[in-house]
């Protein structure tokens, strides 16, 4: 059973839509079956999927639900976990999000604090701190680029070479809640560096690639790839119609601290292999 008080200020929303927003990875069949059994209640009264809920209402769902945390590393100071695709790191702008990565972290260890973030639709390795010293050291390490982060993606080809490095500028577009890549500085744009390497041709249009966001800015990989004509498959924000897919094919495969603020972990590589995207093309992707 799940019991939840909807955050104040949330406008009237159909119950089913709100549930998908608050518990994004709750299996659809569980939601559907709960409504069919009339096992969804608002303030103690049974409701249907189209009935509305709003801030202050209490929702009760009688479902079989588990919200596990996949721990990759835990020494009592630093925590490395696997973030599932589709799970937001934290609540949204209205405070909605009963199931988030941060909620799972706090359920595992109440002292856990995020050291960085991944987009909701990006999966893979994420680091958190379990004490104040590691938290401050971790923030410094990420701010000063003292870690190597390696991503895997499926991107549109063909590519002009087997590998390369792009140097450009990125500016935030608050109106679109997005970013924009520029060739020259100006208007608050910040420098970005992205390294890329082609791993395998999946078909004549799509390639498995390895990406390193040297500067690590918001949406850097998605926007930078699209800027050069190589949008990531499933990217509905920076890609076009040709990139439409059921999910974003972008994954943080590894995070490796270097000498510096997290120097005690230098030499460690926290890794979580990406999904077997090759199956979608009738083959297995390149594994390194």
C-alpha atoms as a PDB file:
ATOM      1  CA  UNK A   1       0.000   0.000   0.000  1.00  0.00           C
ATOM      2  CA  UNK A   2       1.211   3.510  -0.849  1.00  0.00           C
ATOM      3  CA  UNK A   3      -0.090   6.548   1.023  1.00  0.00           C
ATOM      4  CA  UNK A   4       0.847  10.011  -0.175  1.00  0.00           C
ATOM      5  CA  UNK A   5      -0.106  13.617   0.575  1.00  0.00           C
ATOM      6  CA  UNK A   6      -0.076  15.669  -2.630  1.00  0.00           C
ATOM      7  CA  UNK A   7       2.156  18.756  -2.252  1.00  0.00           C
ATOM      8  CA  UNK A   8       0.341  22.087  -1.732  1.00  0.00           C
ATOM      9  CA  UNK A   9      -0.138  24.139  -4.860  1.00  0.00           C
ATOM     10  CA  UNK A  10      -0.457  21.225  -7.282  1.00  0.00           C
ATOM     11  CA  UNK A  11      -3.397  22.133  -9.592  1.00  0.00           C
ATOM     12  CA  UNK A  12      -6.265  19.762 -10.344  1.00  0.00           C
ATOM     13  CA  UNK A  13      -4.949  16.814 -12.332  1.00  0.00           C
ATOM     14  CA  UNK A  14      -6.548  13.515 -13.416  1.00  0.00           C
ATOM     15  CA  UNK A  15      -5.646  10.891 -10.824  1.00  0.00           C
ATOM     16  CA  UNK A  16      -4.029   8.485 -13.257  1.00  0.00           C
ATOM     17  CA  UNK A  17      -1.840  11.223 -14.742  1.00  0.00           C
ATOM     18  CA  UNK A  18      -0.739  12.347 -11.291  1.00  0.00           C
ATOM     19  CA  UNK A  19       0.148   8.799 -10.236  1.00  0.00           C
ATOM     20  CA  UNK A  20       2.334   8.345 -13.337  1.00  0.00           C
ATOM     21  CA  UNK A  21       4.066  11.614 -12.443  1.00  0.00           C
ATOM     22  CA  UNK A  22       4.623  10.759  -8.772  1.00  0.00           C
ATOM     23  CA  UNK A  23       5.669   7.123  -9.326  1.00  0.00           C
ATOM     24  CA  UNK A  24       7.105   7.094 -12.880  1.00  0.00           C
ATOM     25  CA  UNK A  25       8.456   3.531 -12.691  1.00  0.00           C
ATOM     26  CA  UNK A  26       5.383   1.975 -11.100  1.00  0.00           C
ATOM     27  CA  UNK A  27       4.370  -0.712 -13.625  1.00  0.00           C
ATOM     28  CA  UNK A  28       1.425   0.377 -15.756  1.00  0.00           C
ATOM     29  CA  UNK A  29      -0.352  -2.913 -15.103  1.00  0.00           C
ATOM     30  CA  UNK A  30      -0.258  -2.216 -11.356  1.00  0.00           C
ATOM     31  CA  UNK A  31      -1.871   1.187 -11.861  1.00  0.00           C
ATOM     32  CA  UNK A  32      -4.453  -0.201 -14.268  1.00  0.00           C
ATOM     33  CA  UNK A  33      -5.335  -3.132 -12.016  1.00  0.00           C
ATOM     34  CA  UNK A  34      -5.574  -0.927  -8.933  1.00  0.00           C
ATOM     35  CA  UNK A  35      -8.160   1.285 -10.630  1.00  0.00           C
ATOM     36  CA  UNK A  36     -10.014  -1.783 -11.950  1.00  0.00           C
ATOM     37  CA  UNK A  37     -10.236  -3.176  -8.394  1.00  0.00           C
ATOM     38  CA  UNK A  38     -11.259   0.260  -7.135  1.00  0.00           C
ATOM     39  CA  UNK A  39      -8.205   0.225  -4.928  1.00  0.00           C
ATOM     40  CA  UNK A  40      -7.264   3.872  -5.438  1.00  0.00           C
ATOM     41  CA  UNK A  41      -8.645   6.344  -2.911  1.00  0.00           C
ATOM     42  CA  UNK A  42      -8.656  10.106  -2.501  1.00  0.00           C
ATOM     43  CA  UNK A  43      -9.213  11.259   1.054  1.00  0.00           C
ATOM     44  CA  UNK A  44     -10.654   7.829   1.843  1.00  0.00           C
ATOM     45  CA  UNK A  45     -13.091   7.677  -1.085  1.00  0.00           C
ATOM     46  CA  UNK A  46     -12.595   5.412  -4.102  1.00  0.00           C
ATOM     47  CA  UNK A  47     -11.859   7.216  -7.357  1.00  0.00           C
ATOM     48  CA  UNK A  48     -11.585   6.469 -11.090  1.00  0.00           C
ATOM     49  CA  UNK A  49      -8.628   7.316 -13.363  1.00  0.00           C
ATOM     50  CA  UNK A  50     -10.280  10.471 -14.712  1.00  0.00           C
ATOM     51  CA  UNK A  51     -11.271  11.841 -11.308  1.00  0.00           C
ATOM     52  CA  UNK A  52      -9.119  14.793 -10.352  1.00  0.00           C
ATOM     53  CA  UNK A  53      -6.759  15.275  -7.437  1.00  0.00           C
ATOM     54  CA  UNK A  54      -5.045  18.417  -6.196  1.00  0.00           C
ATOM     55  CA  UNK A  55      -2.619  19.764  -3.619  1.00  0.00           C
ATOM     56  CA  UNK A  56      -3.491  18.689  -0.082  1.00  0.00           C
ATOM     57  CA  UNK A  57      -5.383  15.534  -1.084  1.00  0.00           C
ATOM     58  CA  UNK A  58      -4.320  12.217   0.405  1.00  0.00           C
ATOM     59  CA  UNK A  59      -3.894   9.421  -2.105  1.00  0.00           C
ATOM     60  CA  UNK A  60      -3.924   5.740  -1.151  1.00  0.00           C
ATOM     61  CA  UNK A  61      -2.969   3.033  -3.646  1.00  0.00           C
ATOM     62  CA  UNK A  62      -3.210  -0.673  -2.923  1.00  0.00           C
ATOM     63  CA  UNK A  63      -0.470  -1.949  -5.223  1.00  0.00           C
ATOM     64  CA  UNK A  64       2.480  -4.318  -5.122  1.00  0.00           C
ATOM     65  CA  UNK A  65       5.394  -1.920  -5.310  1.00  0.00           C
ATOM     66  CA  UNK A  66       9.085  -1.991  -4.497  1.00  0.00           C
ATOM     67  CA  UNK A  67      11.569   0.843  -4.976  1.00  0.00           C
ATOM     68  CA  UNK A  68      15.001  -0.795  -4.782  1.00  0.00           C
ATOM     69  CA  UNK A  69      18.360   0.942  -4.873  1.00  0.00           C
ATOM     70  CA  UNK A  70      21.006  -0.791  -6.975  1.00  0.00           C
ATOM     71  CA  UNK A  71      24.216  -0.151  -5.017  1.00  0.00           C
ATOM     72  CA  UNK A  72      27.513  -0.452  -6.887  1.00  0.00           C
ATOM     73  CA  UNK A  73      29.848   0.709  -4.097  1.00  0.00           C
ATOM     74  CA  UNK A  74      29.505   1.769  -0.448  1.00  0.00           C
ATOM     75  CA  UNK A  75      32.375   2.286   1.975  1.00  0.00           C
ATOM     76  CA  UNK A  76      30.388   4.378   4.437  1.00  0.00           C
ATOM     77  CA  UNK A  77      31.649   7.624   2.905  1.00  0.00           C
ATOM     78  CA  UNK A  78      31.089   7.436  -0.848  1.00  0.00           C
ATOM     79  CA  UNK A  79      28.140   5.721  -2.496  1.00  0.00           C
ATOM     80  CA  UNK A  80      27.918   4.718  -6.164  1.00  0.00           C
ATOM     81  CA  UNK A  81      24.531   3.594  -7.431  1.00  0.00           C
ATOM     82  CA  UNK A  82      22.839   2.742 -10.705  1.00  0.00           C
ATOM     83  CA  UNK A  83      20.121   5.230 -11.643  1.00  0.00           C
ATOM     84  CA  UNK A  84      17.345   3.606 -13.699  1.00  0.00           C
ATOM     85  CA  UNK A  85      16.211   5.289 -16.895  1.00  0.00           C
ATOM     86  CA  UNK A  86      12.950   7.150 -16.409  1.00  0.00           C
ATOM     87  CA  UNK A  87      13.525   7.863 -12.711  1.00  0.00           C
ATOM     88  CA  UNK A  88      13.984  11.559 -11.845  1.00  0.00           C
ATOM     89  CA  UNK A  89      16.810  12.394  -9.498  1.00  0.00           C
ATOM     90  CA  UNK A  90      14.590  14.705  -7.404  1.00  0.00           C
ATOM     91  CA  UNK A  91      11.076  16.153  -7.262  1.00  0.00           C
ATOM     92  CA  UNK A  92       9.853  18.381 -10.091  1.00  0.00           C
ATOM     93  CA  UNK A  93       9.117  22.111 -10.039  1.00  0.00           C
ATOM     94  CA  UNK A  94       5.831  21.515  -8.164  1.00  0.00           C
ATOM     95  CA  UNK A  95       7.416  19.291  -5.557  1.00  0.00           C
ATOM     96  CA  UNK A  96       5.895  16.161  -7.128  1.00  0.00           C
ATOM     97  CA  UNK A  97       7.886  12.950  -6.976  1.00  0.00           C
ATOM     98  CA  UNK A  98       7.255  10.241  -4.409  1.00  0.00           C
ATOM     99  CA  UNK A  99       9.672   7.910  -6.168  1.00  0.00           C
ATOM    100  CA  UNK A 100      12.927   9.632  -7.082  1.00  0.00           C
ATOM    101  CA  UNK A 101      16.533   8.556  -6.917  1.00  0.00           C
ATOM    102  CA  UNK A 102      17.067  10.882  -3.954  1.00  0.00           C
ATOM    103  CA  UNK A 103      14.119   9.275  -2.135  1.00  0.00           C
ATOM    104  CA  UNK A 104      15.624   5.833  -2.720  1.00  0.00           C
ATOM    105  CA  UNK A 105      19.019   7.066  -1.523  1.00  0.00           C
ATOM    106  CA  UNK A 106      17.529   8.531   1.653  1.00  0.00           C
ATOM    107  CA  UNK A 107      15.620   5.298   2.329  1.00  0.00           C
ATOM    108  CA  UNK A 108      18.929   3.435   2.055  1.00  0.00           C
ATOM    109  CA  UNK A 109      20.917   5.934   4.120  1.00  0.00           C
ATOM    110  CA  UNK A 110      19.377   9.067   5.580  1.00  0.00           C
ATOM    111  CA  UNK A 111      22.701  10.925   5.312  1.00  0.00           C
ATOM    112  CA  UNK A 112      23.046  10.465   1.540  1.00  0.00           C
ATOM    113  CA  UNK A 113      23.519  13.611  -0.557  1.00  0.00           C
ATOM    114  CA  UNK A 114      23.851  13.833  -4.314  1.00  0.00           C
ATOM    115  CA  UNK A 115      27.191  14.859  -5.796  1.00  0.00           C
ATOM    116  CA  UNK A 116      25.847  15.277  -9.345  1.00  0.00           C
ATOM    117  CA  UNK A 117      22.727  14.616 -11.410  1.00  0.00           C
ATOM    118  CA  UNK A 118      21.563  12.787 -14.493  1.00  0.00           C
ATOM    119  CA  UNK A 119      18.547  13.649 -16.633  1.00  0.00           C
ATOM    120  CA  UNK A 120      15.438  11.619 -15.807  1.00  0.00           C
ATOM    121  CA  UNK A 121      15.695   9.668 -19.068  1.00  0.00           C
ATOM    122  CA  UNK A 122      19.447   8.993 -18.693  1.00  0.00           C
ATOM    123  CA  UNK A 123      20.491   5.925 -16.727  1.00  0.00           C
ATOM    124  CA  UNK A 124      23.791   4.777 -15.299  1.00  0.00           C
ATOM    125  CA  UNK A 125      26.325   5.531 -12.590  1.00  0.00           C
ATOM    126  CA  UNK A 126      25.645   8.272 -10.051  1.00  0.00           C
ATOM    127  CA  UNK A 127      27.694   9.214  -6.975  1.00  0.00           C
ATOM    128  CA  UNK A 128      26.475  10.381  -3.562  1.00  0.00           C
ATOM    129  CA  UNK A 129      28.221  11.299  -0.325  1.00  0.00           C
ATOM    130  CA  UNK A 130      27.447   9.827   3.084  1.00  0.00           C
ATOM    131  CA  UNK A 131      29.347  12.323   5.253  1.00  0.00           C
ATOM    132  CA  UNK A 132      30.156  16.028   5.200  1.00  0.00           C
ATOM    133  CA  UNK A 133      33.835  15.661   4.306  1.00  0.00           C
ATOM    134  CA  UNK A 134      33.107  13.464   1.288  1.00  0.00           C
ATOM    135  CA  UNK A 135      30.260  15.747   0.249  1.00  0.00           C
ATOM    136  CA  UNK A 136      32.477  18.841   0.165  1.00  0.00           C
ATOM    137  CA  UNK A 137      35.318  16.937  -1.512  1.00  0.00           C
ATOM    138  CA  UNK A 138      32.928  15.490  -4.080  1.00  0.00           C
ATOM    139  CA  UNK A 139      31.440  18.872  -4.959  1.00  0.00           C
ATOM    140  CA  UNK A 140      34.951  20.235  -5.479  1.00  0.00           C
ATOM    141  CA  UNK A 141      35.905  17.253  -7.647  1.00  0.00           C
ATOM    142  CA  UNK A 142      32.915  17.702  -9.939  1.00  0.00           C
ATOM    143  CA  UNK A 143      33.255  21.500 -10.073  1.00  0.00           C
ATOM    144  CA  UNK A 144      36.930  21.276 -11.007  1.00  0.00           C
ATOM    145  CA  UNK A 145      36.468  18.348 -13.429  1.00  0.00           C
ATOM    146  CA  UNK A 146      38.575  15.943 -11.383  1.00  0.00           C
ATOM    147  CA  UNK A 147      36.634  12.910 -12.590  1.00  0.00           C
ATOM    148  CA  UNK A 148      36.386  11.118 -15.918  1.00  0.00           C
ATOM    149  CA  UNK A 149      32.783  10.397 -16.888  1.00  0.00           C
ATOM    150  CA  UNK A 150      32.200   8.034 -19.800  1.00  0.00           C
ATOM    151  CA  UNK A 151      28.834   7.713 -21.506  1.00  0.00           C
ATOM    152  CA  UNK A 152      27.535   5.346 -24.150  1.00  0.00           C
ATOM    153  CA  UNK A 153      24.884   6.377 -26.659  1.00  0.00           C
ATOM    154  CA  UNK A 154      23.244   5.445 -29.939  1.00  0.00           C
ATOM    155  CA  UNK A 155      23.671   8.403 -32.285  1.00  0.00           C
ATOM    156  CA  UNK A 156      22.847   9.209 -35.886  1.00  0.00           C
ATOM    157  CA  UNK A 157      25.674   8.759 -38.368  1.00  0.00           C
ATOM    158  CA  UNK A 158      27.677   8.521 -40.396  1.00  0.00           C
ATOM    159  CA  UNK A 159      30.610  10.114 -38.547  1.00  0.00           C
ATOM    160  CA  UNK A 160      33.493  11.898 -40.298  1.00  0.00           C
ATOM    161  CA  UNK A 161      36.123   9.912 -38.376  1.00  0.00           C
ATOM    162  CA  UNK A 162      36.536   7.182 -35.785  1.00  0.00           C
ATOM    163  CA  UNK A 163      37.075   9.695 -32.980  1.00  0.00           C
ATOM    164  CA  UNK A 164      37.251  13.408 -32.338  1.00  0.00           C
ATOM    165  CA  UNK A 165      36.926  16.298 -29.913  1.00  0.00           C
ATOM    166  CA  UNK A 166      34.596  19.301 -30.202  1.00  0.00           C
ATOM    167  CA  UNK A 167      35.232  22.721 -28.591  1.00  0.00           C
ATOM    168  CA  UNK A 168      32.274  25.114 -28.562  1.00  0.00           C
ATOM    169  CA  UNK A 169      30.084  27.200 -26.222  1.00  0.00           C
ATOM    170  CA  UNK A 170      26.810  26.462 -24.449  1.00  0.00           C
ATOM    171  CA  UNK A 171      24.170  28.937 -23.352  1.00  0.00           C
ATOM    172  CA  UNK A 172      21.002  28.221 -21.378  1.00  0.00           C
ATOM    173  CA  UNK A 173      17.660  29.045 -22.975  1.00  0.00           C
ATOM    174  CA  UNK A 174      15.358  29.521 -19.958  1.00  0.00           C
ATOM    175  CA  UNK A 175      12.276  30.048 -22.109  1.00  0.00           C
ATOM    176  CA  UNK A 176      12.631  26.604 -23.697  1.00  0.00           C
ATOM    177  CA  UNK A 177      14.109  24.939 -20.599  1.00  0.00           C
ATOM    178  CA  UNK A 178      16.939  23.853 -22.871  1.00  0.00           C
ATOM    179  CA  UNK A 179      20.455  24.823 -23.926  1.00  0.00           C
ATOM    180  CA  UNK A 180      21.936  26.040 -27.194  1.00  0.00           C
ATOM    181  CA  UNK A 181      25.365  25.359 -28.683  1.00  0.00           C
ATOM    182  CA  UNK A 182      27.320  28.251 -30.233  1.00  0.00           C
ATOM    183  CA  UNK A 183      30.595  28.368 -32.171  1.00  0.00           C
ATOM    184  CA  UNK A 184      31.668  31.624 -30.529  1.00  0.00           C
ATOM    185  CA  UNK A 185      31.388  33.067 -26.986  1.00  0.00           C
ATOM    186  CA  UNK A 186      28.786  35.647 -26.041  1.00  0.00           C
ATOM    187  CA  UNK A 187      25.503  36.101 -24.230  1.00  0.00           C
ATOM    188  CA  UNK A 188      26.569  34.205 -21.130  1.00  0.00           C
ATOM    189  CA  UNK A 189      27.715  31.141 -23.079  1.00  0.00           C
ATOM    190  CA  UNK A 190      30.232  28.863 -21.356  1.00  0.00           C
ATOM    191  CA  UNK A 191      32.908  26.761 -23.061  1.00  0.00           C
ATOM    192  CA  UNK A 192      32.215  23.065 -23.607  1.00  0.00           C
ATOM    193  CA  UNK A 193      34.445  20.186 -24.669  1.00  0.00           C
ATOM    194  CA  UNK A 194      33.089  16.815 -25.790  1.00  0.00           C
ATOM    195  CA  UNK A 195      35.226  13.843 -26.789  1.00  0.00           C
ATOM    196  CA  UNK A 196      33.640  11.123 -28.907  1.00  0.00           C
ATOM    197  CA  UNK A 197      34.592   7.745 -30.303  1.00  0.00           C
ATOM    198  CA  UNK A 198      32.669   5.458 -32.637  1.00  0.00           C
ATOM    199  CA  UNK A 199      32.446   1.934 -31.235  1.00  0.00           C
ATOM    200  CA  UNK A 200      30.225   0.115 -33.685  1.00  0.00           C
ATOM    201  CA  UNK A 201      27.936   0.615 -36.658  1.00  0.00           C
ATOM    202  CA  UNK A 202      24.529  -0.770 -35.688  1.00  0.00           C
ATOM    203  CA  UNK A 203      23.038  -0.070 -39.103  1.00  0.00           C
ATOM    204  CA  UNK A 204      23.734   2.429 -41.870  1.00  0.00           C
ATOM    205  CA  UNK A 205      22.157   5.295 -39.877  1.00  0.00           C
ATOM    206  CA  UNK A 206      22.831   4.521 -36.218  1.00  0.00           C
ATOM    207  CA  UNK A 207      26.105   4.024 -34.372  1.00  0.00           C
ATOM    208  CA  UNK A 208      27.070   3.022 -30.858  1.00  0.00           C
ATOM    209  CA  UNK A 209      29.391   5.757 -29.578  1.00  0.00           C
ATOM    210  CA  UNK A 210      31.387   6.524 -26.464  1.00  0.00           C
ATOM    211  CA  UNK A 211      31.216  10.094 -25.165  1.00  0.00           C
ATOM    212  CA  UNK A 212      33.179  12.050 -22.590  1.00  0.00           C
ATOM    213  CA  UNK A 213      31.778  15.415 -21.468  1.00  0.00           C
ATOM    214  CA  UNK A 214      35.062  16.997 -20.393  1.00  0.00           C
ATOM    215  CA  UNK A 215      33.256  20.105 -19.135  1.00  0.00           C
ATOM    216  CA  UNK A 216      30.080  18.363 -17.950  1.00  0.00           C
ATOM    217  CA  UNK A 217      27.438  21.066 -18.415  1.00  0.00           C
ATOM    218  CA  UNK A 218      23.641  20.694 -18.449  1.00  0.00           C
ATOM    219  CA  UNK A 219      22.436  18.727 -21.508  1.00  0.00           C
ATOM    220  CA  UNK A 220      25.930  19.080 -22.988  1.00  0.00           C
ATOM    221  CA  UNK A 221      26.078  15.696 -24.697  1.00  0.00           C
ATOM    222  CA  UNK A 222      22.562  15.803 -26.118  1.00  0.00           C
ATOM    223  CA  UNK A 223      22.878  19.353 -27.454  1.00  0.00           C
ATOM    224  CA  UNK A 224      26.459  18.989 -28.696  1.00  0.00           C
ATOM    225  CA  UNK A 225      25.712  15.783 -30.595  1.00  0.00           C
ATOM    226  CA  UNK A 226      22.649  17.305 -32.233  1.00  0.00           C
ATOM    227  CA  UNK A 227      24.570  20.477 -33.117  1.00  0.00           C
ATOM    228  CA  UNK A 228      26.982  18.444 -35.258  1.00  0.00           C
ATOM    229  CA  UNK A 229      24.222  16.440 -36.916  1.00  0.00           C
ATOM    230  CA  UNK A 230      24.472  13.349 -34.691  1.00  0.00           C
ATOM    231  CA  UNK A 231      21.405  13.513 -32.418  1.00  0.00           C
ATOM    232  CA  UNK A 232      20.975  10.743 -29.872  1.00  0.00           C
ATOM    233  CA  UNK A 233      18.261   8.216 -30.607  1.00  0.00           C
ATOM    234  CA  UNK A 234      15.180   8.957 -28.520  1.00  0.00           C
ATOM    235  CA  UNK A 235      16.117  12.584 -27.785  1.00  0.00           C
ATOM    236  CA  UNK A 236      12.835  14.448 -28.217  1.00  0.00           C
ATOM    237  CA  UNK A 237      14.303  17.773 -27.055  1.00  0.00           C
ATOM    238  CA  UNK A 238      17.327  18.195 -29.347  1.00  0.00           C
ATOM    239  CA  UNK A 239      16.614  15.600 -32.009  1.00  0.00           C
ATOM    240  CA  UNK A 240      14.045  15.651 -34.769  1.00  0.00           C
ATOM    241  CA  UNK A 241      11.367  13.316 -36.018  1.00  0.00           C
ATOM    242  CA  UNK A 242      13.950  10.773 -37.145  1.00  0.00           C
ATOM    243  CA  UNK A 243      15.237  10.315 -33.577  1.00  0.00           C
ATOM    244  CA  UNK A 244      11.898   9.301 -32.071  1.00  0.00           C
ATOM    245  CA  UNK A 245      12.097   6.190 -29.917  1.00  0.00           C
ATOM    246  CA  UNK A 246      10.488   4.766 -26.790  1.00  0.00           C
ATOM    247  CA  UNK A 247      13.469   5.842 -24.668  1.00  0.00           C
ATOM    248  CA  UNK A 248      16.602   7.961 -24.766  1.00  0.00           C
ATOM    249  CA  UNK A 249      19.628   5.887 -25.741  1.00  0.00           C
ATOM    250  CA  UNK A 250      22.112   7.623 -23.438  1.00  0.00           C
ATOM    251  CA  UNK A 251      23.818   6.000 -20.463  1.00  0.00           C
ATOM    252  CA  UNK A 252      26.490   7.046 -17.976  1.00  0.00           C
ATOM    253  CA  UNK A 253      28.677   3.946 -18.126  1.00  0.00           C
ATOM    254  CA  UNK A 254      31.440   4.882 -15.684  1.00  0.00           C
ATOM    255  CA  UNK A 255      32.745   7.542 -13.320  1.00  0.00           C
ATOM    256  CA  UNK A 256      36.426   7.497 -12.334  1.00  0.00           C
ATOM    257  CA  UNK A 257      37.866   9.939  -9.764  1.00  0.00           C
ATOM    258  CA  UNK A 258      41.300  11.376 -10.523  1.00  0.00           C
ATOM    259  CA  UNK A 259      43.932  12.805  -8.174  1.00  0.00           C
ATOM    260  CA  UNK A 260      42.411  15.778  -6.388  1.00  0.00           C
ATOM    261  CA  UNK A 261      39.590  16.281  -3.934  1.00  0.00           C
ATOM    262  CA  UNK A 262      38.500  12.632  -4.208  1.00  0.00           C
ATOM    263  CA  UNK A 263      42.066  11.441  -4.600  1.00  0.00           C
ATOM    264  CA  UNK A 264      41.606   8.610  -2.088  1.00  0.00           C
ATOM    265  CA  UNK A 265      39.407   6.955  -4.744  1.00  0.00           C
ATOM    266  CA  UNK A 266      41.801   7.583  -7.623  1.00  0.00           C
ATOM    267  CA  UNK A 267      42.226   4.419  -9.646  1.00  0.00           C
ATOM    268  CA  UNK A 268      38.694   3.199  -8.953  1.00  0.00           C
ATOM    269  CA  UNK A 269      36.240   3.046 -11.829  1.00  0.00           C
ATOM    270  CA  UNK A 270      32.580   2.825 -10.861  1.00  0.00           C
ATOM    271  CA  UNK A 271      30.890   1.059 -13.778  1.00  0.00           C
ATOM    272  CA  UNK A 272      27.413   0.018 -14.892  1.00  0.00           C
ATOM    273  CA  UNK A 273      27.160  -1.414 -18.448  1.00  0.00           C
ATOM    274  CA  UNK A 274      24.559   0.126 -20.722  1.00  0.00           C
ATOM    275  CA  UNK A 275      21.454  -1.810 -21.884  1.00  0.00           C
ATOM    276  CA  UNK A 276      21.873  -4.224 -24.798  1.00  0.00           C
ATOM    277  CA  UNK A 277      20.804  -1.711 -27.429  1.00  0.00           C
ATOM    278  CA  UNK A 278      22.175  -3.937 -30.170  1.00  0.00           C
ATOM    279  CA  UNK A 279      19.177  -6.245 -29.771  1.00  0.00           C
ATOM    280  CA  UNK A 280      17.043  -3.467 -31.237  1.00  0.00           C
ATOM    281  CA  UNK A 281      19.128  -3.797 -34.400  1.00  0.00           C
ATOM    282  CA  UNK A 282      19.365  -7.567 -34.351  1.00  0.00           C
ATOM    283  CA  UNK A 283      22.906  -7.613 -32.968  1.00  0.00           C
ATOM    284  CA  UNK A 284      24.903  -6.988 -29.796  1.00  0.00           C
ATOM    285  CA  UNK A 285      26.696  -3.666 -29.234  1.00  0.00           C
ATOM    286  CA  UNK A 286      30.438  -3.279 -28.878  1.00  0.00           C
ATOM    287  CA  UNK A 287      31.542  -4.101 -25.325  1.00  0.00           C
ATOM    288  CA  UNK A 288      34.742  -2.728 -23.808  1.00  0.00           C
END
